[in-house]
Amino acid sequence: MIQGFKDFIMRGNIVDLAVAVVIGTAFAAVVDAVVSNLINPLLARVGGGGVGEGLGIQLGDAGNPATFINLGAMINALIVFLLTAAVVYFVIVVPMNKINDRRKRGVEEPEEEVSEEVAALREIRDLLANRG
């Protein structure tokens, strides 16, 4: 029972799925930061809406936080994404690739099974080739 669970966990597609979930979550934070700190202020500039805080650009009225592009939050989200991706890659992906490579080295590819007819035809071909 434990061996079956181990085989299930060690499949490449399970690890790939876990990596995709972690990277997707980190990327969602980047997208959320871009939308809330870049797109929304640009759209709010058309409408109306105190002053934002942190590193950024004020597009309109100094008292309107809806027109503040928060560059600090976007840079922070991007750094979090890159660090998360690097940790996942070096802690999960690289070791799993090494394990999969070791497994593949230990397993030889089986020879292709041929029917008796094909084997006989190959033997005849080889005899004819050696005769000339």
Protein backbone atom coordinates (compact mmCIF):
# COMPACT_ATOMS: atom_id res chain seq x y z
CA MET A 1 0.00 0.00 0.00
CA ILE A 2 2.85 2.42 0.86
CA GLN A 3 4.68 1.45 -2.35
CA GLY A 4 1.59 2.26 -4.42
CA PHE A 5 1.33 5.67 -2.78
CA LYS A 6 5.05 6.28 -3.39
CA ASP A 7 4.65 5.35 -7.07
CA PHE A 8 1.67 7.68 -7.33
CA ILE A 9 3.55 10.61 -5.78
CA MET A 10 6.71 10.05 -7.84
CA ARG A 11 4.90 10.28 -11.17
CA GLY A 12 6.13 13.24 -13.14
CA ASN A 13 2.67 14.60 -13.87
CA ILE A 14 1.79 14.91 -10.16
CA VAL A 15 4.91 16.97 -9.48
CA ASP A 16 4.27 19.06 -12.60
CA LEU A 17 0.74 19.73 -11.40
CA ALA A 18 1.97 20.83 -7.95
CA VAL A 19 4.52 23.14 -9.56
CA ALA A 20 1.84 24.60 -11.82
CA VAL A 21 -0.43 25.32 -8.86
CA VAL A 22 2.34 27.13 -6.94
CA ILE A 23 3.48 29.12 -9.99
CA GLY A 24 -0.13 29.90 -10.89
CA THR A 25 -0.81 31.24 -7.40
CA ALA A 26 2.28 33.44 -7.50
CA PHE A 27 1.42 34.66 -10.99
CA ALA A 28 -2.11 35.48 -9.83
CA ALA A 29 -0.57 37.86 -7.29
CA VAL A 30 1.38 39.58 -10.07
CA VAL A 31 -1.74 39.93 -12.20
CA ASP A 32 -3.74 41.22 -9.25
CA ALA A 33 -1.05 43.82 -8.49
CA VAL A 34 -0.91 44.98 -12.10
CA VAL A 35 -4.66 45.28 -12.35
CA SER A 36 -5.23 46.98 -9.01
CA ASN A 37 -2.19 49.29 -9.24
CA LEU A 38 -1.98 50.10 -12.95
CA ILE A 39 -5.22 49.39 -14.81
CA ASN A 40 -7.61 50.53 -12.09
CA PRO A 41 -5.87 53.93 -11.59
CA LEU A 42 -5.86 54.53 -15.32
CA LEU A 43 -9.57 53.80 -15.46
CA ALA A 44 -10.19 55.87 -12.32
CA ARG A 45 -8.46 58.81 -14.01
CA VAL A 46 -11.41 58.98 -16.34
CA GLY A 47 -13.79 59.00 -13.36
CA GLY A 48 -12.95 60.37 -9.94
CA GLY A 49 -12.17 59.09 -6.67
CA GLY A 50 -6.93 60.54 -1.39
CA VAL A 51 -3.42 60.11 -2.25
CA GLY A 52 -1.70 56.73 -2.68
CA GLU A 53 1.30 55.72 -0.63
CA GLY A 54 4.66 54.26 -1.52
CA LEU A 55 6.64 54.28 -4.76
CA GLY A 56 4.37 55.35 -7.55
CA ILE A 57 3.07 57.92 -9.95
CA GLN A 58 0.17 60.27 -9.25
CA LEU A 59 -1.83 60.69 -12.46
CA GLY A 60 -4.40 63.18 -11.35
CA ASP A 61 -5.51 65.13 -8.32
CA ALA A 62 -3.09 64.91 -5.39
CA GLY A 63 -5.98 63.95 -3.11
CA ASN A 64 -7.29 61.10 -5.27
CA PRO A 65 -5.77 57.65 -4.41
CA ALA A 66 -7.66 56.03 -7.27
CA THR A 67 -5.34 57.75 -9.75
CA PHE A 68 -2.13 56.62 -8.02
CA ILE A 69 -0.10 53.96 -9.86
CA ASN A 70 1.60 51.99 -7.08
CA LEU A 71 4.84 50.83 -8.69
CA GLY A 72 6.14 49.52 -5.36
CA ALA A 73 3.34 46.98 -5.07
CA MET A 74 3.86 45.78 -8.64
CA ILE A 75 7.63 45.40 -8.16
CA ASN A 76 6.97 43.58 -4.88
CA ALA A 77 4.57 41.15 -6.53
CA LEU A 78 7.03 40.51 -9.36
CA ILE A 79 9.86 39.83 -6.91
CA VAL A 80 7.64 37.46 -4.91
CA PHE A 81 6.73 35.64 -8.11
CA LEU A 82 10.35 35.28 -9.24
CA LEU A 83 11.53 34.11 -5.82
CA THR A 84 8.67 31.61 -5.55
CA ALA A 85 9.39 30.27 -9.02
CA ALA A 86 13.12 29.96 -8.25
CA VAL A 87 12.50 28.12 -4.98
CA VAL A 88 10.02 25.73 -6.60
CA TYR A 89 12.40 25.11 -9.48
CA PHE A 90 15.50 24.44 -7.39
CA VAL A 91 13.77 22.58 -4.54
CA ILE A 92 11.23 20.50 -6.49
CA VAL A 93 11.84 20.47 -10.24
CA VAL A 94 15.63 19.95 -10.34
CA PRO A 95 15.65 17.07 -7.82
CA MET A 96 12.68 15.39 -9.54
CA ASN A 97 14.42 15.65 -12.93
CA LYS A 98 17.54 14.03 -11.44
CA ILE A 99 15.46 11.23 -9.92
CA ASN A 100 13.65 10.64 -13.23
CA ASP A 101 16.98 10.59 -15.13
CA ARG A 102 18.38 7.98 -12.71
CA ARG A 103 15.27 5.86 -13.16
CA LYS A 104 15.53 6.06 -16.95
CA ARG A 105 19.22 5.09 -16.89
CA GLY A 106 18.40 1.89 -15.00
CA VAL A 107 15.69 0.81 -17.44
CA GLU A 108 16.70 -0.39 -20.88
CA GLU A 109 14.29 0.01 -23.70
CA PRO A 110 12.79 -3.36 -24.60
CA GLU A 111 13.53 -4.68 -28.05
CA GLU A 112 10.71 -4.47 -30.51
CA GLU A 113 9.04 -7.84 -30.86
CA VAL A 114 8.64 -8.97 -34.45
CA SER A 115 6.47 -11.68 -35.86
CA GLU A 116 7.92 -14.91 -37.20
CA GLU A 117 7.16 -13.83 -40.75
CA VAL A 118 9.12 -10.60 -40.40
CA ALA A 119 12.03 -12.46 -38.78
CA ALA A 120 12.06 -14.98 -41.66
CA LEU A 121 11.97 -12.20 -44.26
CA ARG A 122 14.86 -10.43 -42.55
CA GLU A 123 16.87 -13.65 -42.51
CA ILE A 124 16.24 -14.15 -46.23
CA ARG A 125 17.24 -10.54 -46.91
CA ASP A 126 20.49 -10.96 -44.97
CA LEU A 127 21.31 -14.25 -46.79
CA LEU A 128 20.72 -12.61 -50.16
CA ALA A 129 22.84 -9.62 -49.22
CA ASN A 130 25.74 -11.86 -48.14
CA ARG A 131 25.52 -13.99 -51.29
CA GLY A 132 26.46 -11.18 -53.71
